[in-house]
Amino acid sequence: MKQTYLTTDELAGLIKYDARTIRERLKDSVLLEGRHYIRPFGGRKILYIWESIETDMASASPLPEAAIPMANGGVCNV
């Protein structure tokens, strides 16, 4: 399985969070080492695993049972 590795700034651009928020508030509380990010070669640099983050973000906010997803990202409640 091919994985996409992102720097903090690249991840911030994709999920629309400030890079500082990712480093100080999300890392180690929501984003877990080994699952969402790695430290290649045991160094200080952190690379985030996009596929793991994307999967967990989608599963954390399920749609209500009676909602129809809309093209603009919203939902239609029936």
PDB file of N, CA and C in Angstrom:
ATOM      1  N   MET A   1       0.838  -1.178   0.000  1.00  0.00           N
ATOM      2  CA  MET A   1       0.000   0.000   0.000  1.00  0.00           C
ATOM      3  C   MET A   1       0.885   1.244   0.000  1.00  0.00           C
ATOM      4  N   LYS A   2       0.650   2.113  -0.949  1.00  0.00           N
ATOM      5  CA  LYS A   2       1.424   3.344  -1.049  1.00  0.00           C
ATOM      6  C   LYS A   2       0.885   4.367  -0.058  1.00  0.00           C
ATOM      7  N   GLN A   3       1.789   5.017   0.658  1.00  0.00           N
ATOM      8  CA  GLN A   3       1.391   6.033   1.636  1.00  0.00           C
ATOM      9  C   GLN A   3       1.953   7.386   1.226  1.00  0.00           C
ATOM     10  N   THR A   4       1.191   8.425   1.535  1.00  0.00           N
ATOM     11  CA  THR A   4       1.603   9.782   1.238  1.00  0.00           C
ATOM     12  C   THR A   4       2.086  10.433   2.525  1.00  0.00           C
ATOM     13  N   TYR A   5       3.341  10.854   2.531  1.00  0.00           N
ATOM     14  CA  TYR A   5       3.927  11.487   3.701  1.00  0.00           C
ATOM     15  C   TYR A   5       3.925  12.996   3.522  1.00  0.00           C
ATOM     16  N   LEU A   6       3.476  13.718   4.543  1.00  0.00           N
ATOM     17  CA  LEU A   6       3.351  15.167   4.484  1.00  0.00           C
ATOM     18  C   LEU A   6       4.098  15.824   5.634  1.00  0.00           C
ATOM     19  N   THR A   7       4.624  17.005   5.377  1.00  0.00           N
ATOM     20  CA  THR A   7       5.189  17.807   6.458  1.00  0.00           C
ATOM     21  C   THR A   7       4.028  18.464   7.214  1.00  0.00           C
ATOM     22  N   THR A   8       4.327  19.096   8.324  1.00  0.00           N
ATOM     23  CA  THR A   8       3.290  19.777   9.101  1.00  0.00           C
ATOM     24  C   THR A   8       2.617  20.866   8.278  1.00  0.00           C
ATOM     25  N   ASP A   9       3.393  21.639   7.528  1.00  0.00           N
ATOM     26  CA  ASP A   9       2.829  22.720   6.716  1.00  0.00           C
ATOM     27  C   ASP A   9       1.940  22.177   5.600  1.00  0.00           C
ATOM     28  N   GLU A  10       2.344  21.079   4.978  1.00  0.00           N
ATOM     29  CA  GLU A  10       1.526  20.479   3.920  1.00  0.00           C
ATOM     30  C   GLU A  10       0.213  19.946   4.485  1.00  0.00           C
ATOM     31  N   LEU A  11       0.277  19.285   5.648  1.00  0.00           N
ATOM     32  CA  LEU A  11      -0.938  18.781   6.290  1.00  0.00           C
ATOM     33  C   LEU A  11      -1.857  19.933   6.671  1.00  0.00           C
ATOM     34  N   ALA A  12      -1.286  21.006   7.180  1.00  0.00           N
ATOM     35  CA  ALA A  12      -2.082  22.180   7.567  1.00  0.00           C
ATOM     36  C   ALA A  12      -2.864  22.722   6.377  1.00  0.00           C
ATOM     37  N   GLY A  13      -2.257  22.743   5.215  1.00  0.00           N
ATOM     38  CA  GLY A  13      -2.940  23.213   4.018  1.00  0.00           C
ATOM     39  C   GLY A  13      -4.093  22.314   3.606  1.00  0.00           C
ATOM     40  N   LEU A  14      -3.938  21.013   3.807  1.00  0.00           N
ATOM     41  CA  LEU A  14      -4.984  20.070   3.406  1.00  0.00           C
ATOM     42  C   LEU A  14      -6.180  20.069   4.354  1.00  0.00           C
ATOM     43  N   ILE A  15      -5.925  20.155   5.656  1.00  0.00           N
ATOM     44  CA  ILE A  15      -7.038  20.053   6.606  1.00  0.00           C
ATOM     45  C   ILE A  15      -7.480  21.411   7.134  1.00  0.00           C
ATOM     46  N   LYS A  16      -6.884  22.484   6.610  1.00  0.00           N
ATOM     47  CA  LYS A  16      -7.286  23.858   6.958  1.00  0.00           C
ATOM     48  C   LYS A  16      -7.124  24.172   8.445  1.00  0.00           C
ATOM     49  N   TYR A  17      -6.030  23.693   9.018  1.00  0.00           N
ATOM     50  CA  TYR A  17      -5.647  24.027  10.390  1.00  0.00           C
ATOM     51  C   TYR A  17      -4.315  24.746  10.322  1.00  0.00           C
ATOM     52  N   ASP A  18      -4.038  25.572  11.298  1.00  0.00           N
ATOM     53  CA  ASP A  18      -2.752  26.226  11.389  1.00  0.00           C
ATOM     54  C   ASP A  18      -1.693  25.186  11.766  1.00  0.00           C
ATOM     55  N   ALA A  19      -0.509  25.292  11.186  1.00  0.00           N
ATOM     56  CA  ALA A  19       0.570  24.335  11.478  1.00  0.00           C
ATOM     57  C   ALA A  19       0.897  24.324  12.969  1.00  0.00           C
ATOM     58  N   ARG A  20       0.822  25.469  13.600  1.00  0.00           N
ATOM     59  CA  ARG A  20       1.100  25.557  15.038  1.00  0.00           C
ATOM     60  C   ARG A  20       0.068  24.773  15.850  1.00  0.00           C
ATOM     61  N   THR A  21      -1.193  24.823  15.437  1.00  0.00           N
ATOM     62  CA  THR A  21      -2.245  24.055  16.110  1.00  0.00           C
ATOM     63  C   THR A  21      -1.984  22.563  15.989  1.00  0.00           C
ATOM     64  N   ILE A  22      -1.547  22.131  14.833  1.00  0.00           N
ATOM     65  CA  ILE A  22      -1.234  20.710  14.641  1.00  0.00           C
ATOM     66  C   ILE A  22      -0.109  20.299  15.575  1.00  0.00           C
ATOM     67  N   ARG A  23       0.957  21.098  15.613  1.00  0.00           N
ATOM     68  CA  ARG A  23       2.109  20.750  16.461  1.00  0.00           C
ATOM     69  C   ARG A  23       1.778  20.783  17.948  1.00  0.00           C
ATOM     70  N   GLU A  24       1.003  21.779  18.391  1.00  0.00           N
ATOM     71  CA  GLU A  24       0.805  21.982  19.826  1.00  0.00           C
ATOM     72  C   GLU A  24      -0.445  21.314  20.397  1.00  0.00           C
ATOM     73  N   ARG A  25      -1.503  21.170  19.601  1.00  0.00           N
ATOM     74  CA  ARG A  25      -2.764  20.671  20.155  1.00  0.00           C
ATOM     75  C   ARG A  25      -3.176  19.304  19.631  1.00  0.00           C
ATOM     76  N   LEU A  26      -2.908  19.017  18.351  1.00  0.00           N
ATOM     77  CA  LEU A  26      -3.372  17.757  17.778  1.00  0.00           C
ATOM     78  C   LEU A  26      -2.363  16.625  17.917  1.00  0.00           C
ATOM     79  N   LYS A  27      -1.075  16.956  17.736  1.00  0.00           N
ATOM     80  CA  LYS A  27      -0.041  15.922  17.811  1.00  0.00           C
ATOM     81  C   LYS A  27      -0.001  15.348  19.219  1.00  0.00           C
ATOM     82  N   ASP A  28      -0.042  14.040  19.304  1.00  0.00           N
ATOM     83  CA  ASP A  28       0.013  13.263  20.544  1.00  0.00           C
ATOM     84  C   ASP A  28      -1.292  13.242  21.329  1.00  0.00           C
ATOM     85  N   SER A  29      -2.318  13.975  20.897  1.00  0.00           N
ATOM     86  CA  SER A  29      -3.623  13.827  21.537  1.00  0.00           C
ATOM     87  C   SER A  29      -4.603  13.206  20.546  1.00  0.00           C
ATOM     88  N   VAL A  30      -4.624  13.709  19.332  1.00  0.00           N
ATOM     89  CA  VAL A  30      -5.489  13.168  18.287  1.00  0.00           C
ATOM     90  C   VAL A  30      -4.653  12.405  17.262  1.00  0.00           C
ATOM     91  N   LEU A  31      -3.537  12.966  16.906  1.00  0.00           N
ATOM     92  CA  LEU A  31      -2.636  12.337  15.946  1.00  0.00           C
ATOM     93  C   LEU A  31      -1.569  11.553  16.713  1.00  0.00           C
ATOM     94  N   LEU A  32      -1.527  10.263  16.485  1.00  0.00           N
ATOM     95  CA  LEU A  32      -0.677   9.372  17.276  1.00  0.00           C
ATOM     96  C   LEU A  32       0.526   8.879  16.480  1.00  0.00           C
ATOM     97  N   GLU A  33       1.677   8.862  17.149  1.00  0.00           N
ATOM     98  CA  GLU A  33       2.896   8.371  16.510  1.00  0.00           C
ATOM     99  C   GLU A  33       2.749   6.892  16.169  1.00  0.00           C
ATOM    100  N   GLY A  34       3.169   6.536  14.971  1.00  0.00           N
ATOM    101  CA  GLY A  34       3.053   5.163  14.508  1.00  0.00           C
ATOM    102  C   GLY A  34       1.783   4.926  13.705  1.00  0.00           C
ATOM    103  N   ARG A  35       0.737   5.649  14.001  1.00  0.00           N
ATOM    104  CA  ARG A  35      -0.512   5.531  13.241  1.00  0.00           C
ATOM    105  C   ARG A  35      -0.673   6.713  12.287  1.00  0.00           C
ATOM    106  N   HIS A  36      -0.544   7.927  12.789  1.00  0.00           N
ATOM    107  CA  HIS A  36      -0.762   9.128  11.989  1.00  0.00           C
ATOM    108  C   HIS A  36       0.527   9.821  11.563  1.00  0.00           C
ATOM    109  N   TYR A  37       1.606   9.570  12.264  1.00  0.00           N
ATOM    110  CA  TYR A  37       2.877  10.181  11.864  1.00  0.00           C
ATOM    111  C   TYR A  37       4.047   9.306  12.276  1.00  0.00           C
ATOM    112  N   ILE A  38       5.171   9.546  11.621  1.00  0.00           N
ATOM    113  CA  ILE A  38       6.405   8.820  11.914  1.00  0.00           C
ATOM    114  C   ILE A  38       7.545   9.820  12.038  1.00  0.00           C
ATOM    115  N   ARG A  39       8.622   9.359  12.643  1.00  0.00           N
ATOM    116  CA  ARG A  39       9.874  10.114  12.699  1.00  0.00           C
ATOM    117  C   ARG A  39      10.898   9.275  11.929  1.00  0.00           C
ATOM    118  N   PRO A  40      11.083   9.598  10.641  1.00  0.00           N
ATOM    119  CA  PRO A  40      11.980   8.769   9.830  1.00  0.00           C
ATOM    120  C   PRO A  40      13.408   8.766  10.359  1.00  0.00           C
ATOM    121  N   PHE A  41      13.994   7.587  10.354  1.00  0.00           N
ATOM    122  CA  PHE A  41      15.374   7.373  10.766  1.00  0.00           C
ATOM    123  C   PHE A  41      15.636   7.808  12.206  1.00  0.00           C
ATOM    124  N   GLY A  42      14.586   7.853  13.043  1.00  0.00           N
ATOM    125  CA  GLY A  42      14.736   8.195  14.447  1.00  0.00           C
ATOM    126  C   GLY A  42      15.088   9.653  14.701  1.00  0.00           C
ATOM    127  N   GLY A  43      14.873  10.495  13.715  1.00  0.00           N
ATOM    128  CA  GLY A  43      15.241  11.900  13.846  1.00  0.00           C
ATOM    129  C   GLY A  43      14.150  12.754  14.460  1.00  0.00           C
ATOM    130  N   ARG A  44      14.337  14.048  14.375  1.00  0.00           N
ATOM    131  CA  ARG A  44      13.372  14.999  14.936  1.00  0.00           C
ATOM    132  C   ARG A  44      12.257  15.340  13.965  1.00  0.00           C
ATOM    133  N   LYS A  45      12.530  15.208  12.663  1.00  0.00           N
ATOM    134  CA  LYS A  45      11.540  15.559  11.649  1.00  0.00           C
ATOM    135  C   LYS A  45      10.334  14.633  11.752  1.00  0.00           C
ATOM    136  N   ILE A  46       9.149  15.206  11.575  1.00  0.00           N
ATOM    137  CA  ILE A  46       7.905  14.449  11.634  1.00  0.00           C
ATOM    138  C   ILE A  46       7.270  14.453  10.248  1.00  0.00           C
ATOM    139  N   LEU A  47       6.874  13.274   9.785  1.00  0.00           N
ATOM    140  CA  LEU A  47       6.122  13.144   8.540  1.00  0.00           C
ATOM    141  C   LEU A  47       4.774  12.519   8.865  1.00  0.00           C
ATOM    142  N   TYR A  48       3.702  13.170   8.418  1.00  0.00           N
ATOM    143  CA  TYR A  48       2.346  12.701   8.680  1.00  0.00           C
ATOM    144  C   TYR A  48       1.888  11.778   7.567  1.00  0.00           C
ATOM    145  N   ILE A  49       1.137  10.737   7.911  1.00  0.00           N
ATOM    146  CA  ILE A  49       0.639   9.747   6.959  1.00  0.00           C
ATOM    147  C   ILE A  49      -0.779  10.156   6.572  1.00  0.00           C
ATOM    148  N   TRP A  50      -0.930  10.694   5.370  1.00  0.00           N
ATOM    149  CA  TRP A  50      -2.189  11.274   4.943  1.00  0.00           C
ATOM    150  C   TRP A  50      -3.349  10.264   4.945  1.00  0.00           C
ATOM    151  N   GLU A  51      -3.138   9.077   4.451  1.00  0.00           N
ATOM    152  CA  GLU A  51      -4.222   8.095   4.347  1.00  0.00           C
ATOM    153  C   GLU A  51      -4.811   7.751   5.718  1.00  0.00           C
ATOM    154  N   SER A  52      -3.981   7.609   6.735  1.00  0.00           N
ATOM    155  CA  SER A  52      -4.469   7.306   8.089  1.00  0.00           C
ATOM    156  C   SER A  52      -5.258   8.480   8.669  1.00  0.00           C
ATOM    157  N   ILE A  53      -4.766   9.679   8.450  1.00  0.00           N
ATOM    158  CA  ILE A  53      -5.448  10.868   8.965  1.00  0.00           C
ATOM    159  C   ILE A  53      -6.793  11.044   8.270  1.00  0.00           C
ATOM    160  N   GLU A  54      -6.810  10.885   6.956  1.00  0.00           N
ATOM    161  CA  GLU A  54      -8.049  11.040   6.184  1.00  0.00           C
ATOM    162  C   GLU A  54      -9.097  10.022   6.603  1.00  0.00           C
ATOM    163  N   THR A  55      -8.697   8.776   6.810  1.00  0.00           N
ATOM    164  CA  THR A  55      -9.620   7.729   7.247  1.00  0.00           C
ATOM    165  C   THR A  55     -10.206   8.038   8.612  1.00  0.00           C
ATOM    166  N   ASP A  56      -9.366   8.436   9.544  1.00  0.00           N
ATOM    167  CA  ASP A  56      -9.840   8.714  10.902  1.00  0.00           C
ATOM    168  C   ASP A  56     -10.693   9.976  10.976  1.00  0.00           C
ATOM    169  N   MET A  57     -10.394  10.967  10.141  1.00  0.00           N
ATOM    170  CA  MET A  57     -11.219  12.177  10.116  1.00  0.00           C
ATOM    171  C   MET A  57     -12.621  11.840   9.626  1.00  0.00           C
ATOM    172  N   ALA A  58     -12.727  11.030   8.609  1.00  0.00           N
ATOM    173  CA  ALA A  58     -14.032  10.672   8.049  1.00  0.00           C
ATOM    174  C   ALA A  58     -14.838   9.812   9.008  1.00  0.00           C
ATOM    175  N   SER A  59     -14.187   8.918   9.725  1.00  0.00           N
ATOM    176  CA  SER A  59     -14.921   8.034  10.638  1.00  0.00           C
ATOM    177  C   SER A  59     -15.322   8.739  11.928  1.00  0.00           C
ATOM    178  N   ALA A  60     -14.679   9.855  12.242  1.00  0.00           N
ATOM    179  CA  ALA A  60     -14.990  10.576  13.478  1.00  0.00           C
ATOM    180  C   ALA A  60     -16.249  11.420  13.361  1.00  0.00           C
ATOM    181  N   SER A  61     -16.714  11.681  12.151  1.00  0.00           N
ATOM    182  CA  SER A  61     -17.918  12.498  11.981  1.00  0.00           C
ATOM    183  C   SER A  61     -18.902  11.798  11.034  1.00  0.00           C
ATOM    184  N   PRO A  62     -19.574  10.763  11.534  1.00  0.00           N
ATOM    185  CA  PRO A  62     -20.517  10.035  10.680  1.00  0.00           C
ATOM    186  C   PRO A  62     -21.760  10.867  10.368  1.00  0.00           C
ATOM    187  N   LEU A  63     -22.361  10.590   9.228  1.00  0.00           N
ATOM    188  CA  LEU A  63     -23.596  11.264   8.844  1.00  0.00           C
ATOM    189  C   LEU A  63     -24.773  10.691   9.633  1.00  0.00           C
ATOM    190  N   PRO A  64     -25.761  11.519   9.958  1.00  0.00           N
ATOM    191  CA  PRO A  64     -26.973  10.980  10.570  1.00  0.00           C
ATOM    192  C   PRO A  64     -27.634   9.988   9.614  1.00  0.00           C
ATOM    193  N   GLU A  65     -28.388   9.048  10.155  1.00  0.00           N
ATOM    194  CA  GLU A  65     -28.990   8.009   9.325  1.00  0.00           C
ATOM    195  C   GLU A  65     -29.933   8.570   8.273  1.00  0.00           C
ATOM    196  N   ALA A  66     -30.647   9.634   8.575  1.00  0.00           N
ATOM    197  CA  ALA A  66     -31.635  10.174   7.659  1.00  0.00           C
ATOM    198  C   ALA A  66     -31.090  11.351   6.856  1.00  0.00           C
ATOM    199  N   ALA A  67     -29.792  11.412   6.635  1.00  0.00           N
ATOM    200  CA  ALA A  67     -29.206  12.521   5.898  1.00  0.00           C
ATOM    201  C   ALA A  67     -28.740  12.057   4.531  1.00  0.00           C
ATOM    202  N   ILE A  68     -28.940  12.912   3.547  1.00  0.00           N
ATOM    203  CA  ILE A  68     -28.482  12.639   2.184  1.00  0.00           C
ATOM    204  C   ILE A  68     -27.324  13.591   1.908  1.00  0.00           C
ATOM    205  N   PRO A  69     -26.145  13.058   1.574  1.00  0.00           N
ATOM    206  CA  PRO A  69     -25.003  13.941   1.308  1.00  0.00           C
ATOM    207  C   PRO A  69     -25.231  14.769   0.040  1.00  0.00           C
ATOM    208  N   MET A  70     -24.837  16.031   0.105  1.00  0.00           N
ATOM    209  CA  MET A  70     -24.988  16.946  -1.028  1.00  0.00           C
ATOM    210  C   MET A  70     -23.620  17.186  -1.661  1.00  0.00           C
ATOM    211  N   ALA A  71     -23.619  17.597  -2.918  1.00  0.00           N
ATOM    212  CA  ALA A  71     -22.376  17.812  -3.665  1.00  0.00           C
ATOM    213  C   ALA A  71     -21.509  18.908  -3.045  1.00  0.00           C
ATOM    214  N   ASN A  72     -22.118  19.889  -2.373  1.00  0.00           N
ATOM    215  CA  ASN A  72     -21.346  20.988  -1.806  1.00  0.00           C
ATOM    216  C   ASN A  72     -20.745  20.657  -0.446  1.00  0.00           C
ATOM    217  N   GLY A  73     -20.910  19.426   0.017  1.00  0.00           N
ATOM    218  CA  GLY A  73     -20.365  19.003   1.302  1.00  0.00           C
ATOM    219  C   GLY A  73     -21.354  19.019   2.437  1.00  0.00           C
ATOM    220  N   GLY A  74     -22.534  19.609   2.236  1.00  0.00           N
ATOM    221  CA  GLY A  74     -23.573  19.631   3.271  1.00  0.00           C
ATOM    222  C   GLY A  74     -24.426  18.377   3.226  1.00  0.00           C
ATOM    223  N   VAL A  75     -25.473  18.354   4.012  1.00  0.00           N
ATOM    224  CA  VAL A  75     -26.392  17.223   4.011  1.00  0.00           C
ATOM    225  C   VAL A  75     -27.831  17.740   3.954  1.00  0.00           C
ATOM    226  N   CYS A  76     -28.685  16.916   3.380  1.00  0.00           N
ATOM    227  CA  CYS A  76     -30.113  17.209   3.331  1.00  0.00           C
ATOM    228  C   CYS A  76     -30.782  16.277   4.324  1.00  0.00           C
ATOM    229  N   ASN A  77     -31.385  16.831   5.367  1.00  0.00           N
ATOM    230  CA  ASN A  77     -32.072  16.025   6.368  1.00  0.00           C
ATOM    231  C   ASN A  77     -33.485  15.717   5.892  1.00  0.00           C
ATOM    232  N   VAL A  78     -33.835  14.444   5.902  1.00  0.00           N
ATOM    233  CA  VAL A  78     -35.180  14.039   5.452  1.00  0.00           C
ATOM    234  C   VAL A  78     -36.041  13.621   6.597  1.00  0.00           C
TER     235      VAL A  78
END
